[in-house]
């Protein structure tokens, strides 16, 4: 097997493409290095919004706003990106 190095290859996007190809409807991934303090603010808001019936894109927006309230730099609040279906919601059973 021959491996080829590509200096400008976006590995996150490549990994996301693999998940989408495997059937995942939406993938959230950092576009650059994610600071370890961000999930403390982002994740609870994101999950609460999903539980409240919001779409994944609405939940991401609200979660990113929570991060912005603590860290108003784009390096913190704009790191996570949504790939795939922005209208995905949790199905009620």
C-alpha atoms as a PDB file:
ATOM      1  CA  UNK A   1       0.000   0.000   0.000  1.00  0.00           C
ATOM      2  CA  UNK A   2       1.338   3.420  -0.964  1.00  0.00           C
ATOM      3  CA  UNK A   3       0.351   6.397   1.198  1.00  0.00           C
ATOM      4  CA  UNK A   4       0.267   9.868  -0.274  1.00  0.00           C
ATOM      5  CA  UNK A   5       0.708  12.954   1.916  1.00  0.00           C
ATOM      6  CA  UNK A   6      -1.459  15.960   1.120  1.00  0.00           C
ATOM      7  CA  UNK A   7      -0.447  19.059   3.074  1.00  0.00           C
ATOM      8  CA  UNK A   8      -3.642  21.037   2.477  1.00  0.00           C
ATOM      9  CA  UNK A   9      -6.096  18.198   2.919  1.00  0.00           C
ATOM     10  CA  UNK A  10      -8.920  18.896   5.354  1.00  0.00           C
ATOM     11  CA  UNK A  11      -8.980  15.750   7.498  1.00  0.00           C
ATOM     12  CA  UNK A  12     -12.117  16.736   9.420  1.00  0.00           C
ATOM     13  CA  UNK A  13     -14.115  17.144   6.206  1.00  0.00           C
ATOM     14  CA  UNK A  14     -12.767  13.817   4.978  1.00  0.00           C
ATOM     15  CA  UNK A  15     -13.818  12.093   8.194  1.00  0.00           C
ATOM     16  CA  UNK A  16     -17.241  13.759   8.046  1.00  0.00           C
ATOM     17  CA  UNK A  17     -17.721  12.520   4.482  1.00  0.00           C
ATOM     18  CA  UNK A  18     -17.112   8.970   5.690  1.00  0.00           C
ATOM     19  CA  UNK A  19     -19.796   9.294   8.388  1.00  0.00           C
ATOM     20  CA  UNK A  20     -22.293  10.791   5.922  1.00  0.00           C
ATOM     21  CA  UNK A  21     -21.511   7.995   3.460  1.00  0.00           C
ATOM     22  CA  UNK A  22     -22.193   5.451   6.223  1.00  0.00           C
ATOM     23  CA  UNK A  23     -25.709   6.829   6.617  1.00  0.00           C
ATOM     24  CA  UNK A  24     -25.497   9.410   9.380  1.00  0.00           C
ATOM     25  CA  UNK A  25     -27.884  12.259   8.589  1.00  0.00           C
ATOM     26  CA  UNK A  26     -25.930  14.959  10.402  1.00  0.00           C
ATOM     27  CA  UNK A  27     -22.434  15.277  11.826  1.00  0.00           C
ATOM     28  CA  UNK A  28     -21.096  18.019  14.080  1.00  0.00           C
ATOM     29  CA  UNK A  29     -17.323  18.389  14.017  1.00  0.00           C
ATOM     30  CA  UNK A  30     -14.795  21.072  14.921  1.00  0.00           C
ATOM     31  CA  UNK A  31     -13.310  22.917  11.981  1.00  0.00           C
ATOM     32  CA  UNK A  32     -10.148  23.683  13.974  1.00  0.00           C
ATOM     33  CA  UNK A  33      -8.768  22.656  17.374  1.00  0.00           C
ATOM     34  CA  UNK A  34     -11.585  22.793  19.919  1.00  0.00           C
ATOM     35  CA  UNK A  35     -10.634  24.293  23.268  1.00  0.00           C
ATOM     36  CA  UNK A  36     -11.485  21.912  26.119  1.00  0.00           C
ATOM     37  CA  UNK A  37     -13.508  24.584  27.937  1.00  0.00           C
ATOM     38  CA  UNK A  38     -16.036  25.022  25.108  1.00  0.00           C
ATOM     39  CA  UNK A  39     -18.066  21.777  25.554  1.00  0.00           C
ATOM     40  CA  UNK A  40     -18.848  22.744  29.174  1.00  0.00           C
ATOM     41  CA  UNK A  41     -21.055  25.562  27.830  1.00  0.00           C
ATOM     42  CA  UNK A  42     -21.963  24.200  24.393  1.00  0.00           C
ATOM     43  CA  UNK A  43     -23.100  20.634  25.088  1.00  0.00           C
ATOM     44  CA  UNK A  44     -25.736  21.193  27.822  1.00  0.00           C
ATOM     45  CA  UNK A  45     -27.428  23.919  25.775  1.00  0.00           C
ATOM     46  CA  UNK A  46     -27.313  21.823  22.620  1.00  0.00           C
ATOM     47  CA  UNK A  47     -28.873  18.789  24.327  1.00  0.00           C
ATOM     48  CA  UNK A  48     -31.542  20.868  26.080  1.00  0.00           C
ATOM     49  CA  UNK A  49     -32.561  22.430  22.769  1.00  0.00           C
ATOM     50  CA  UNK A  50     -32.748  19.031  21.055  1.00  0.00           C
ATOM     51  CA  UNK A  51     -34.859  17.704  23.929  1.00  0.00           C
ATOM     52  CA  UNK A  52     -37.159  20.734  23.532  1.00  0.00           C
ATOM     53  CA  UNK A  53     -37.852  19.750  19.912  1.00  0.00           C
ATOM     54  CA  UNK A  54     -35.571  22.166  18.089  1.00  0.00           C
ATOM     55  CA  UNK A  55     -33.755  21.146  14.923  1.00  0.00           C
ATOM     56  CA  UNK A  56     -30.073  20.324  15.091  1.00  0.00           C
ATOM     57  CA  UNK A  57     -29.220  23.645  13.383  1.00  0.00           C
ATOM     58  CA  UNK A  58     -31.338  25.647  15.846  1.00  0.00           C
ATOM     59  CA  UNK A  59     -29.770  23.755  18.751  1.00  0.00           C
ATOM     60  CA  UNK A  60     -26.289  24.448  17.369  1.00  0.00           C
ATOM     61  CA  UNK A  61     -27.066  28.149  17.046  1.00  0.00           C
ATOM     62  CA  UNK A  62     -28.301  28.358  20.650  1.00  0.00           C
ATOM     63  CA  UNK A  63     -25.323  26.382  21.928  1.00  0.00           C
ATOM     64  CA  UNK A  64     -22.882  28.579  20.030  1.00  0.00           C
ATOM     65  CA  UNK A  65     -24.567  31.660  21.532  1.00  0.00           C
ATOM     66  CA  UNK A  66     -23.952  30.204  25.013  1.00  0.00           C
ATOM     67  CA  UNK A  67     -20.284  29.842  24.165  1.00  0.00           C
ATOM     68  CA  UNK A  68     -20.268  33.391  22.761  1.00  0.00           C
ATOM     69  CA  UNK A  69     -21.603  34.698  26.087  1.00  0.00           C
ATOM     70  CA  UNK A  70     -18.512  33.267  27.808  1.00  0.00           C
ATOM     71  CA  UNK A  71     -15.934  33.601  25.034  1.00  0.00           C
ATOM     72  CA  UNK A  72     -16.876  36.217  22.394  1.00  0.00           C
ATOM     73  CA  UNK A  73     -14.059  35.243  20.054  1.00  0.00           C
ATOM     74  CA  UNK A  74     -14.904  33.302  16.859  1.00  0.00           C
ATOM     75  CA  UNK A  75     -12.116  30.857  17.743  1.00  0.00           C
ATOM     76  CA  UNK A  76     -14.385  29.581  20.531  1.00  0.00           C
ATOM     77  CA  UNK A  77     -17.996  30.013  19.428  1.00  0.00           C
ATOM     78  CA  UNK A  78     -17.568  29.289  15.700  1.00  0.00           C
ATOM     79  CA  UNK A  79     -15.407  26.174  15.911  1.00  0.00           C
ATOM     80  CA  UNK A  80     -18.134  23.542  15.600  1.00  0.00           C
ATOM     81  CA  UNK A  81     -19.724  23.043  12.193  1.00  0.00           C
ATOM     82  CA  UNK A  82     -22.774  21.087  11.105  1.00  0.00           C
ATOM     83  CA  UNK A  83     -22.584  18.854   8.053  1.00  0.00           C
ATOM     84  CA  UNK A  84     -25.622  17.128   6.596  1.00  0.00           C
ATOM     85  CA  UNK A  85     -29.290  17.632   7.399  1.00  0.00           C
ATOM     86  CA  UNK A  86     -29.840  20.916   9.329  1.00  0.00           C
ATOM     87  CA  UNK A  87     -33.520  20.110   9.924  1.00  0.00           C
ATOM     88  CA  UNK A  88     -32.918  16.861  11.773  1.00  0.00           C
ATOM     89  CA  UNK A  89     -34.889  16.538  15.026  1.00  0.00           C
ATOM     90  CA  UNK A  90     -35.172  13.935  17.736  1.00  0.00           C
ATOM     91  CA  UNK A  91     -38.109  11.640  17.069  1.00  0.00           C
ATOM     92  CA  UNK A  92     -40.619  11.262  19.862  1.00  0.00           C
ATOM     93  CA  UNK A  93     -41.664   7.704  20.694  1.00  0.00           C
END
